[in-house]
Amino acid sequence: MAEHLPPPLSRKPADAESRSKARSILIIAVVALMTEIVAFEFTLVAPGLPEMAAAFRTQQIALVMTTPLLVAGVTVPIVGKIADVYGKKKVLLATGAAFLLGTVLCAIASAFPLFLVGRGLQGLGLVSPVICYGLVRDLIPAKWVPLGIGGIGVGIGASSLIGPLLGGWMIDHHGYRGALWVLFVYSVVIVAAIAICVPETTVRIAHRIDYFGAALLGIGATALIAGGIRPDLRALAFPLGIVLLVAFVLVERRIAQPLISMSLLARPGVWMTLLLGAAYGVYNGANAALLPQYLRLPAIPGDPDSGLGMTATQYSLYYGLSSGVVAAACGILGGWAARRFAPRTVGLVAMVAAVIAGLLIGLDLIGSFGMVIVYGVAFGVGNGLYYVSTTNLLIEAVPANTQAVSSSMKFTAEQVVGALSSAYLGVLIGSYVLMVNPKTGQPIPSAQGFRYAYLICAVAAAIGVVVLLLMRHGRTPATGGVVSGQGDEDPRPETAAVC
């Protein structure tokens, strides 16, 4: 009969402490390059959304961003646990192979449903940071772990600069399929490097994996998305989605190792941070799908509902570069500020910046390329500071033995809400038409729909400000978990089935 015990803490293997400096740096470098796939998956793809909409003759192009967000939000907690059970390198290579298959499908797809299948497989690539952080912790000497974590962070920041510029140039000169083939080649090289250069960790933790809960959450959220974009399915899809999500909550309350821990969720510090994550997820998920379309709307002199007519390269240069540089800088600055002041203070600055960014578009203040840079700076400030603040808020809210599960809960909240937001606001955009493309016969949305969508995003960010103002924890300088770990053990810690 199985006994439910707290999972053992991951113990670093003895050979990790004896690993040479050169070998440790090699592992860090390869792992950091693997995490680049997360940013490249979006920055190489997003500038080409208008071309994809024309190629597939669809008004539901937001699903290109919705699909990987939904897949990632549902599968990351499960894949992370499978990696702990069977080996992080094995699972990283398996998800890398799925990502490669998805990229090929996207590059060759002639039908939009097949393209979305590819994007779903690419969504599995979003698990790479979760696994890579664990590999660094397990495989290199403790004194090099901070360097490794920092290297992964710098790697993601670098891709946010290079990805948009490379993606914009490729799309303008070789089409969106050319950008996808670049992503495929890069991923093949890095997955091969992981296979050759990174050893498998011997650390194993017993987990009971909540496949049923993930299925309820995934199918329920998908039903709600389907109801939003398909009026003919709405009468069936909405009730089905609601029933499945209610069933998900009931199931999660009764099992030992849930996808979302209800005992953790009862903590004000946790549920308020997850509510903040959902509020930001509304904005972040929508922005990834809507902004490329908005900035690349055709420019028609004298028509207030037309756009700036940016090329993919201009979109990447004016928005991608400004937001990427500022987000990377604010990620570093936010970490210092959280320790010097408080993570809640950093979060307030982040969400106020998000409100300002949303209002810039919602109030029709983006009338020039220069204002696009202003928007990129505002969004970059919000994006960089948000992730630093919420990570520290969770660290301060829960004990060490529940850090992993609480982080996965936040990721799930962000991604699933982001998927729903991008889908529903994409439908809103499609109801406002500027003109019909004379070549494809497809309607081109007007700027008015985007303004309404970004006003909704600004309201969501404002809700995040209110949540932070009401939040009681995170008001003192961040301790790195020292305070939360002292006598504050969760009454029902994450458990593992041990025979």
Protein backbone atom coordinates (compact mmCIF):
# COMPACT_ATOMS: atom_id res chain seq x y z
CA MET A 1 0.00 0.00 0.00
CA ALA A 2 1.40 3.44 -0.93
CA GLU A 3 2.41 5.82 1.83
CA HIS A 4 2.14 9.56 1.11
CA LEU A 5 5.27 11.40 2.18
CA PRO A 6 6.81 14.74 1.31
CA PRO A 7 9.18 14.29 -1.63
CA PRO A 8 12.83 14.16 -0.73
CA LEU A 9 14.80 17.31 -1.46
CA SER A 10 16.97 17.09 -4.57
CA ARG A 11 20.51 16.21 -3.49
CA LYS A 12 23.34 17.26 -5.75
CA PRO A 13 25.29 14.20 -6.96
CA ALA A 14 28.85 13.91 -5.68
CA ASP A 15 30.37 14.14 -9.17
CA ALA A 16 28.72 17.55 -9.69
CA GLU A 17 30.91 19.19 -7.04
CA SER A 18 34.05 17.77 -8.66
CA ARG A 19 33.11 18.89 -12.19
CA SER A 20 35.72 21.19 -13.72
CA LYS A 21 35.20 24.88 -14.35
CA ALA A 22 35.50 24.45 -18.12
CA ARG A 23 32.99 21.58 -18.17
CA SER A 24 30.58 23.53 -15.96
CA ILE A 25 30.76 26.57 -18.25
CA LEU A 26 30.11 24.36 -21.28
CA ILE A 27 27.00 22.89 -19.64
CA ILE A 28 25.76 26.36 -18.68
CA ALA A 29 26.33 27.70 -22.21
CA VAL A 30 24.52 24.84 -23.95
CA VAL A 31 21.62 24.89 -21.50
CA ALA A 32 21.30 28.69 -21.85
CA LEU A 33 21.17 28.33 -25.64
CA MET A 34 18.41 25.75 -25.24
CA THR A 35 16.27 28.23 -23.34
CA GLU A 36 16.61 30.66 -26.28
CA ILE A 37 14.04 28.50 -28.06
CA VAL A 38 11.33 29.91 -25.79
CA ALA A 39 11.86 33.48 -26.97
CA PHE A 40 12.65 32.55 -30.58
CA GLU A 41 9.39 30.60 -30.75
CA PHE A 42 7.57 33.92 -30.45
CA THR A 43 9.99 36.57 -31.74
CA LEU A 44 10.68 34.76 -35.00
CA VAL A 45 6.98 34.07 -35.55
CA ALA A 46 5.08 37.12 -34.30
CA PRO A 47 6.21 39.65 -36.94
CA GLY A 48 4.77 37.40 -39.67
CA LEU A 49 1.21 37.13 -38.34
CA PRO A 50 -0.25 39.34 -41.12
CA GLU A 51 1.45 37.18 -43.79
CA MET A 52 0.11 34.03 -42.12
CA ALA A 53 -3.41 35.45 -41.99
CA ALA A 54 -3.24 36.16 -45.73
CA ALA A 55 -1.67 32.79 -46.59
CA PHE A 56 -4.26 30.77 -44.67
CA ARG A 57 -7.15 33.16 -45.40
CA THR A 58 -8.17 33.23 -41.74
CA GLN A 59 -9.54 35.85 -39.39
CA GLN A 60 -8.49 33.76 -36.39
CA ILE A 61 -4.75 34.32 -36.68
CA ALA A 62 -4.53 35.04 -32.91
CA LEU A 63 -4.75 31.25 -32.47
CA VAL A 64 -1.14 31.10 -33.66
CA MET A 65 -0.20 32.54 -30.26
CA THR A 66 -3.11 31.11 -28.29
CA THR A 67 -2.30 27.48 -29.07
CA PRO A 68 1.27 27.24 -27.67
CA LEU A 69 0.27 29.26 -24.61
CA LEU A 70 -2.55 26.85 -23.80
CA VAL A 71 -0.43 23.74 -24.42
CA ALA A 72 2.38 25.13 -22.27
CA GLY A 73 0.10 26.16 -19.42
CA VAL A 74 -1.44 22.70 -19.15
CA THR A 75 1.63 20.55 -19.77
CA VAL A 76 4.52 22.34 -18.03
CA PRO A 77 3.62 21.19 -14.49
CA ILE A 78 3.28 17.61 -15.73
CA VAL A 79 6.41 17.61 -17.86
CA GLY A 80 8.40 19.10 -14.99
CA LYS A 81 7.32 16.26 -12.72
CA ILE A 82 8.04 13.62 -15.38
CA ALA A 83 11.54 15.08 -15.69
CA ASP A 84 12.07 14.66 -11.94
CA VAL A 85 10.91 11.04 -12.13
CA TYR A 86 12.63 9.79 -15.30
CA GLY A 87 15.52 12.18 -15.88
CA LYS A 88 15.68 15.82 -16.89
CA LYS A 89 17.91 15.35 -19.94
CA LYS A 90 15.72 12.57 -21.37
CA VAL A 91 12.58 14.66 -21.05
CA LEU A 92 14.31 17.79 -22.39
CA LEU A 93 15.39 15.86 -25.50
CA ALA A 94 11.89 14.43 -25.91
CA THR A 95 10.25 17.85 -25.75
CA GLY A 96 12.96 19.19 -28.06
CA ALA A 97 12.08 16.49 -30.60
CA ALA A 98 8.38 17.43 -30.33
CA PHE A 99 9.33 21.06 -30.89
CA LEU A 100 11.33 20.16 -34.01
CA LEU A 101 8.43 18.15 -35.42
CA GLY A 102 6.06 21.03 -34.72
CA THR A 103 8.38 23.52 -36.43
CA VAL A 104 8.53 21.37 -39.56
CA LEU A 105 4.74 21.04 -39.61
CA CYS A 106 4.38 24.82 -39.35
CA ALA A 107 6.93 25.40 -42.11
CA ILE A 108 5.25 23.05 -44.61
CA ALA A 109 1.58 23.33 -43.58
CA SER A 110 -0.79 24.34 -46.34
CA ALA A 111 -3.88 24.26 -44.09
CA PHE A 112 -4.42 26.34 -40.96
CA PRO A 113 -5.50 23.41 -38.71
CA LEU A 114 -2.25 21.57 -39.49
CA PHE A 115 -0.30 24.76 -38.76
CA LEU A 116 -1.99 24.97 -35.34
CA VAL A 117 -1.09 21.34 -34.62
CA GLY A 118 2.51 22.33 -35.24
CA ARG A 119 2.18 25.32 -32.93
CA GLY A 120 0.79 23.02 -30.24
CA LEU A 121 3.85 20.79 -30.51
CA GLN A 122 6.03 23.88 -30.39
CA GLY A 123 4.30 24.79 -27.13
CA LEU A 124 6.17 21.90 -25.53
CA GLY A 125 9.34 23.90 -26.10
CA LEU A 126 8.22 26.29 -23.38
CA VAL A 127 9.12 23.67 -20.77
CA SER A 128 12.82 24.06 -21.47
CA PRO A 129 13.57 26.73 -18.81
CA VAL A 130 11.80 24.65 -16.14
CA ILE A 131 13.99 21.64 -16.90
CA CYS A 132 17.16 23.61 -17.65
CA TYR A 133 17.17 25.37 -14.28
CA GLY A 134 16.99 21.93 -12.66
CA LEU A 135 19.84 20.61 -14.79
CA VAL A 136 22.07 23.49 -13.77
CA ARG A 137 21.25 22.92 -10.12
CA ASP A 138 21.95 19.18 -10.40
CA LEU A 139 25.01 19.10 -12.66
CA ILE A 140 27.43 21.86 -11.68
CA PRO A 141 29.20 22.76 -8.43
CA ALA A 142 27.12 24.82 -6.01
CA LYS A 143 29.44 27.83 -6.30
CA TRP A 144 28.71 28.00 -10.06
CA VAL A 145 24.93 27.71 -9.79
CA PRO A 146 24.34 31.51 -9.52
CA LEU A 147 26.45 31.94 -12.68
CA GLY A 148 24.39 29.27 -14.40
CA ILE A 149 21.05 30.82 -13.45
CA GLY A 150 22.33 34.22 -14.54
CA GLY A 151 23.59 32.75 -17.81
CA ILE A 152 20.16 31.35 -18.59
CA GLY A 153 18.60 34.74 -17.85
CA VAL A 154 21.07 36.58 -20.08
CA GLY A 155 20.47 34.04 -22.83
CA ILE A 156 16.74 34.69 -22.85
CA GLY A 157 17.44 38.43 -22.87
CA ALA A 158 19.79 38.11 -25.84
CA SER A 159 17.22 36.22 -27.88
CA SER A 160 14.66 38.92 -27.23
CA LEU A 161 17.02 41.30 -29.04
CA ILE A 162 18.28 39.07 -31.85
CA GLY A 163 15.03 37.19 -32.48
CA PRO A 164 12.84 40.13 -33.53
CA LEU A 165 15.47 41.60 -35.85
CA LEU A 166 16.29 38.27 -37.46
CA GLY A 167 12.62 37.33 -37.69
CA GLY A 168 11.63 40.66 -39.23
CA TRP A 169 14.37 40.51 -41.86
CA MET A 170 13.63 36.89 -42.75
CA ILE A 171 9.89 37.52 -43.08
CA ASP A 172 10.37 40.57 -45.29
CA HIS A 173 12.83 38.78 -47.58
CA HIS A 174 11.92 35.08 -47.37
CA GLY A 175 8.43 34.94 -45.89
CA TYR A 176 7.30 33.53 -42.56
CA ARG A 177 8.25 30.01 -43.67
CA GLY A 178 11.85 31.16 -44.02
CA ALA A 179 11.82 32.34 -40.39
CA LEU A 180 10.45 28.96 -39.31
CA TRP A 181 13.22 27.11 -41.14
CA VAL A 182 15.79 29.30 -39.36
CA LEU A 183 14.17 28.32 -36.07
CA PHE A 184 14.32 24.65 -37.09
CA VAL A 185 18.03 24.75 -37.96
CA TYR A 186 18.88 26.54 -34.71
CA SER A 187 16.86 24.04 -32.68
CA VAL A 188 18.44 21.01 -34.39
CA VAL A 189 21.93 22.28 -33.52
CA ILE A 190 21.04 23.03 -29.89
CA VAL A 191 19.15 19.78 -29.27
CA ALA A 192 22.14 17.88 -30.69
CA ALA A 193 24.46 19.86 -28.41
CA ILE A 194 22.32 18.95 -25.40
CA ALA A 195 22.50 15.27 -26.38
CA ILE A 196 26.30 15.37 -26.73
CA CYS A 197 27.50 17.85 -24.12
CA VAL A 198 25.09 17.65 -21.19
CA PRO A 199 25.12 14.55 -18.95
CA GLU A 200 21.98 13.10 -17.41
CA THR A 201 21.34 13.97 -13.79
CA THR A 202 21.05 11.13 -11.28
CA VAL A 203 18.65 13.13 -9.08
CA ARG A 204 15.21 11.53 -8.97
CA ILE A 205 12.09 12.55 -7.02
CA ALA A 206 8.97 10.40 -6.77
CA HIS A 207 5.83 12.14 -8.01
CA ARG A 208 2.25 11.14 -8.63
CA ILE A 209 1.40 12.85 -11.90
CA ASP A 210 -2.04 14.41 -12.29
CA TYR A 211 -2.84 13.50 -15.90
CA PHE A 212 -6.59 13.54 -15.26
CA GLY A 213 -6.50 17.06 -13.82
CA ALA A 214 -4.47 18.28 -16.77
CA ALA A 215 -6.99 16.76 -19.17
CA LEU A 216 -9.89 18.47 -17.42
CA LEU A 217 -8.11 21.83 -17.43
CA GLY A 218 -6.90 21.55 -21.02
CA ILE A 219 -10.17 20.35 -22.53
CA GLY A 220 -12.20 22.80 -20.45
CA ALA A 221 -10.09 25.80 -21.50
CA THR A 222 -10.11 24.61 -25.13
CA ALA A 223 -13.90 24.35 -25.06
CA LEU A 224 -14.17 27.94 -23.85
CA ILE A 225 -11.82 29.09 -26.62
CA ALA A 226 -13.79 27.13 -29.21
CA GLY A 227 -17.01 28.70 -27.99
CA GLY A 228 -15.49 32.13 -28.32
CA ILE A 229 -14.29 31.76 -31.90
CA ARG A 230 -17.04 29.49 -33.27
CA PRO A 231 -20.56 30.88 -32.72
CA ASP A 232 -22.04 27.64 -34.09
CA LEU A 233 -20.36 25.70 -31.25
CA ARG A 234 -21.07 28.21 -28.49
CA ALA A 235 -24.24 26.57 -27.10
CA LEU A 236 -22.34 23.32 -26.53
CA ALA A 237 -18.79 24.52 -25.90
CA PHE A 238 -19.45 27.06 -23.14
CA PRO A 239 -21.45 24.71 -20.86
CA LEU A 240 -18.95 21.90 -21.50
CA GLY A 241 -16.01 24.14 -20.65
CA ILE A 242 -17.59 25.39 -17.44
CA VAL A 243 -18.54 21.87 -16.31
CA LEU A 244 -15.03 20.55 -16.96
CA LEU A 245 -13.37 23.43 -15.12
CA VAL A 246 -15.67 22.97 -12.13
CA ALA A 247 -14.84 19.25 -12.20
CA PHE A 248 -11.14 20.19 -12.33
CA VAL A 249 -11.44 22.21 -9.11
CA LEU A 250 -13.33 19.39 -7.36
CA VAL A 251 -10.79 16.77 -8.46
CA GLU A 252 -7.82 18.91 -7.43
CA ARG A 253 -9.23 19.18 -3.91
CA ARG A 254 -9.26 15.39 -3.45
CA ILE A 255 -5.93 14.11 -4.79
CA ALA A 256 -2.53 14.01 -3.10
CA GLN A 257 -0.45 15.71 -5.80
CA PRO A 258 -2.74 18.06 -7.74
CA LEU A 259 -1.81 20.15 -10.72
CA ILE A 260 -2.93 23.16 -8.66
CA SER A 261 -2.57 22.66 -4.91
CA MET A 262 -5.73 23.86 -3.20
CA SER A 263 -3.98 23.96 0.19
CA LEU A 264 -1.37 26.32 -1.24
CA LEU A 265 -4.05 28.27 -3.08
CA ALA A 266 -5.75 28.97 0.26
CA ARG A 267 -2.77 31.09 1.31
CA PRO A 268 -3.45 34.80 0.64
CA GLY A 269 0.12 35.30 -0.54
CA VAL A 270 -0.33 32.57 -3.16
CA TRP A 271 -3.85 33.20 -4.46
CA MET A 272 -3.23 36.93 -4.69
CA THR A 273 0.01 36.37 -6.61
CA LEU A 274 -1.81 33.98 -8.95
CA LEU A 275 -4.60 36.53 -9.40
CA LEU A 276 -1.91 39.07 -10.27
CA GLY A 277 -0.46 36.56 -12.74
CA ALA A 278 -3.86 36.07 -14.36
CA ALA A 279 -4.34 39.86 -14.66
CA TYR A 280 -0.98 40.22 -16.34
CA GLY A 281 -1.65 37.13 -18.44
CA VAL A 282 -4.63 38.91 -20.01
CA TYR A 283 -2.30 41.65 -21.28
CA ASN A 284 0.75 39.57 -22.11
CA GLY A 285 -1.16 36.88 -23.99
CA ALA A 286 -3.13 39.41 -26.01
CA ASN A 287 -0.11 41.59 -26.78
CA ALA A 288 1.83 38.72 -28.35
CA ALA A 289 -1.02 38.07 -30.79
CA LEU A 290 -2.39 41.57 -31.41
CA LEU A 291 0.55 43.98 -31.52
CA PRO A 292 2.17 42.66 -34.75
CA GLN A 293 -1.19 42.94 -36.50
CA TYR A 294 -1.87 46.43 -35.11
CA LEU A 295 1.49 47.97 -36.00
CA ARG A 296 1.45 46.42 -39.46
CA LEU A 297 -2.03 47.60 -40.44
CA PRO A 298 -1.99 49.38 -43.83
CA ALA A 299 -1.40 53.13 -43.65
CA ILE A 300 -4.19 55.05 -45.41
CA PRO A 301 -3.73 58.86 -45.29
CA GLY A 302 -6.66 60.57 -43.59
CA ASP A 303 -8.24 57.34 -42.30
CA PRO A 304 -8.15 57.22 -38.48
CA ASP A 305 -8.86 53.47 -38.50
CA SER A 306 -5.78 52.62 -40.56
CA GLY A 307 -2.36 51.83 -39.12
CA LEU A 308 1.31 52.69 -39.46
CA GLY A 309 1.99 50.26 -42.29
CA MET A 310 5.15 48.87 -40.70
CA THR A 311 7.13 46.15 -42.41
CA ALA A 312 8.15 43.13 -40.35
CA THR A 313 11.67 44.58 -40.06
CA GLN A 314 10.36 47.95 -38.87
CA TYR A 315 8.11 46.26 -36.34
CA SER A 316 11.09 44.35 -34.98
CA LEU A 317 13.42 47.34 -34.97
CA TYR A 318 11.13 49.90 -33.34
CA TYR A 319 9.14 47.68 -30.98
CA GLY A 320 11.11 44.43 -30.59
CA LEU A 321 14.46 46.07 -29.93
CA SER A 322 13.18 48.73 -27.53
CA SER A 323 11.03 46.36 -25.48
CA GLY A 324 13.73 43.66 -25.42
CA VAL A 325 16.55 45.95 -24.23
CA VAL A 326 14.39 47.58 -21.56
CA ALA A 327 12.94 44.28 -20.32
CA ALA A 328 16.42 42.74 -19.95
CA ALA A 329 17.69 45.80 -18.07
CA CYS A 330 14.63 45.92 -15.82
CA GLY A 331 15.00 42.23 -15.04
CA ILE A 332 18.40 42.97 -13.50
CA LEU A 333 17.30 46.25 -11.89
CA GLY A 334 14.13 44.65 -10.52
CA GLY A 335 16.09 41.95 -8.71
CA TRP A 336 18.15 44.61 -6.95
CA ALA A 337 15.08 46.70 -6.17
CA ALA A 338 13.21 43.74 -4.68
CA ARG A 339 16.03 43.18 -2.20
CA ARG A 340 16.59 46.88 -1.56
CA PHE A 341 12.94 47.90 -1.23
CA ALA A 342 10.26 45.20 -1.62
CA PRO A 343 8.95 42.85 -4.34
CA ARG A 344 5.47 44.36 -3.95
CA THR A 345 6.91 47.79 -4.79
CA VAL A 346 8.56 46.38 -7.91
CA GLY A 347 5.27 44.77 -8.88
CA LEU A 348 3.40 48.05 -8.51
CA VAL A 349 5.83 49.79 -10.87
CA ALA A 350 5.44 46.90 -13.32
CA MET A 351 1.65 46.98 -13.39
CA VAL A 352 1.47 50.78 -13.58
CA ALA A 353 3.79 50.59 -16.59
CA ALA A 354 1.48 47.97 -18.13
CA VAL A 355 -1.54 50.25 -17.57
CA ILE A 356 0.29 53.12 -19.28
CA ALA A 357 1.29 50.89 -22.21
CA GLY A 358 -2.28 49.68 -22.68
CA LEU A 359 -3.62 53.22 -22.62
CA LEU A 360 -1.11 54.36 -25.24
CA ILE A 361 -2.87 52.16 -27.79
CA GLY A 362 -6.32 52.22 -26.23
CA LEU A 363 -6.43 56.03 -26.38
CA ASP A 364 -4.98 56.12 -29.91
CA LEU A 365 -1.68 57.77 -28.94
CA ILE A 366 0.53 55.61 -31.19
CA GLY A 367 0.66 57.81 -34.27
CA SER A 368 4.31 57.58 -35.27
CA PHE A 369 7.28 55.24 -35.26
CA GLY A 370 8.71 57.22 -32.35
CA MET A 371 5.63 56.51 -30.25
CA VAL A 372 6.08 52.81 -31.02
CA ILE A 373 9.43 53.07 -29.24
CA VAL A 374 7.70 54.76 -26.29
CA TYR A 375 5.21 51.87 -26.17
CA GLY A 376 8.05 49.35 -26.37
CA VAL A 377 9.81 51.02 -23.43
CA ALA A 378 6.63 51.08 -21.32
CA PHE A 379 5.84 47.44 -22.09
CA GLY A 380 9.47 46.43 -21.51
CA VAL A 381 9.47 48.05 -18.07
CA GLY A 382 6.28 46.22 -17.15
CA ASN A 383 7.43 42.89 -18.55
CA GLY A 384 10.91 42.93 -17.00
CA LEU A 385 9.75 44.00 -13.55
CA TYR A 386 6.65 41.79 -13.48
CA TYR A 387 8.51 38.47 -13.62
CA VAL A 388 11.07 39.55 -11.03
CA SER A 389 8.41 40.77 -8.62
CA THR A 390 6.06 37.78 -8.88
CA THR A 391 8.88 35.26 -8.57
CA ASN A 392 10.04 36.95 -5.37
CA LEU A 393 6.48 37.30 -4.07
CA LEU A 394 6.02 33.53 -4.35
CA ILE A 395 9.41 32.82 -2.77
CA GLU A 396 8.42 34.99 0.19
CA ALA A 397 4.96 33.39 0.44
CA VAL A 398 5.71 29.65 0.58
CA PRO A 399 8.26 27.32 2.18
CA ALA A 400 11.07 25.77 0.19
CA ASN A 401 9.40 22.37 -0.23
CA THR A 402 6.54 23.94 -2.20
CA GLN A 403 8.51 26.39 -4.37
CA ALA A 404 8.33 24.21 -7.49
CA VAL A 405 4.61 23.51 -7.33
CA SER A 406 3.74 27.15 -6.57
CA SER A 407 5.86 28.34 -9.50
CA SER A 408 4.13 25.89 -11.84
CA MET A 409 0.75 27.13 -10.59
CA LYS A 410 1.73 30.70 -11.48
CA PHE A 411 2.94 29.61 -14.91
CA THR A 412 -0.31 27.76 -15.54
CA ALA A 413 -2.39 30.78 -14.50
CA GLU A 414 -0.40 33.12 -16.76
CA GLN A 415 -0.43 30.88 -19.82
CA VAL A 416 -4.00 29.57 -19.69
CA VAL A 417 -5.47 33.03 -19.05
CA GLY A 418 -3.16 34.42 -21.75
CA ALA A 419 -4.47 31.83 -24.20
CA LEU A 420 -8.08 32.69 -23.42
CA SER A 421 -7.34 36.42 -23.66
CA SER A 422 -5.60 36.21 -27.04
CA ALA A 423 -8.44 34.09 -28.43
CA TYR A 424 -11.32 36.26 -27.20
CA LEU A 425 -9.69 39.60 -27.98
CA GLY A 426 -8.76 38.21 -31.38
CA VAL A 427 -12.47 37.65 -32.01
CA LEU A 428 -13.16 41.24 -30.91
CA ILE A 429 -10.56 42.52 -33.39
CA GLY A 430 -12.15 40.53 -36.21
CA SER A 431 -15.49 42.29 -35.75
CA TYR A 432 -14.01 45.64 -36.87
CA VAL A 433 -13.01 45.65 -40.54
CA LEU A 434 -10.89 48.30 -42.22
CA MET A 435 -10.86 46.93 -45.76
CA VAL A 436 -10.77 43.72 -47.76
CA ASN A 437 -7.44 42.53 -49.10
CA PRO A 438 -7.81 42.82 -52.89
CA LYS A 439 -5.47 39.86 -53.49
CA THR A 440 -6.86 37.34 -51.00
CA GLY A 441 -10.38 38.65 -50.36
CA GLN A 442 -9.66 38.49 -46.61
CA PRO A 443 -10.91 41.31 -44.36
CA ILE A 444 -8.21 43.45 -42.73
CA PRO A 445 -9.14 44.61 -39.20
CA SER A 446 -9.35 48.28 -38.34
CA ALA A 447 -7.47 50.08 -35.58
CA GLN A 448 -10.70 50.66 -33.64
CA GLY A 449 -10.96 47.02 -32.58
CA PHE A 450 -7.37 47.05 -31.35
CA ARG A 451 -8.03 50.19 -29.31
CA TYR A 452 -10.95 48.50 -27.54
CA ALA A 453 -8.83 45.38 -26.92
CA TYR A 454 -5.99 47.37 -25.37
CA LEU A 455 -8.39 49.31 -23.16
CA ILE A 456 -9.48 45.91 -21.83
CA CYS A 457 -5.81 45.03 -21.29
CA ALA A 458 -5.26 48.29 -19.41
CA VAL A 459 -8.24 47.49 -17.16
CA ALA A 460 -6.77 44.03 -16.47
CA ALA A 461 -3.43 45.62 -15.54
CA ALA A 462 -5.27 48.10 -13.30
CA ILE A 463 -6.88 45.14 -11.51
CA GLY A 464 -3.33 43.90 -10.93
CA VAL A 465 -2.47 47.26 -9.32
CA VAL A 466 -5.46 46.89 -6.97
CA VAL A 467 -4.42 43.34 -6.05
CA LEU A 468 -0.93 44.57 -5.16
CA LEU A 469 -2.29 47.45 -3.08
CA LEU A 470 -4.39 44.97 -1.08
CA MET A 471 -1.58 42.41 -0.77
CA ARG A 472 -0.20 42.09 2.76
CA HIS A 473 2.98 40.17 2.04
CA GLY A 474 5.97 41.26 0.00
CA ARG A 475 6.05 44.71 1.63
CA THR A 476 9.54 44.28 3.09
CA PRO A 477 12.85 43.67 1.28
CA ALA A 478 13.03 40.23 -0.30
CA THR A 479 14.88 37.65 1.77
CA GLY A 480 15.26 34.92 -0.84
CA GLY A 481 12.87 32.68 1.08
CA VAL A 482 14.55 32.91 4.47
CA VAL A 483 11.45 34.32 6.15
CA SER A 484 8.95 32.03 4.42
CA GLY A 485 10.95 28.97 5.34
CA GLN A 486 10.99 29.62 9.06
CA GLY A 487 8.20 27.78 10.79
CA ASP A 488 5.85 28.29 7.89
CA GLU A 489 5.58 24.82 6.46
CA ASP A 490 2.56 24.11 4.35
CA PRO A 491 0.04 21.97 6.22
CA ARG A 492 -0.30 19.72 3.19
CA PRO A 493 3.03 19.83 1.34
CA GLU A 494 3.37 18.48 -2.13
CA THR A 495 3.35 14.72 -1.69
CA ALA A 496 4.76 11.79 -3.51
CA ALA A 497 3.59 8.22 -3.71
CA VAL A 498 6.36 6.05 -2.31
CA CYS A 499 5.84 2.30 -2.21
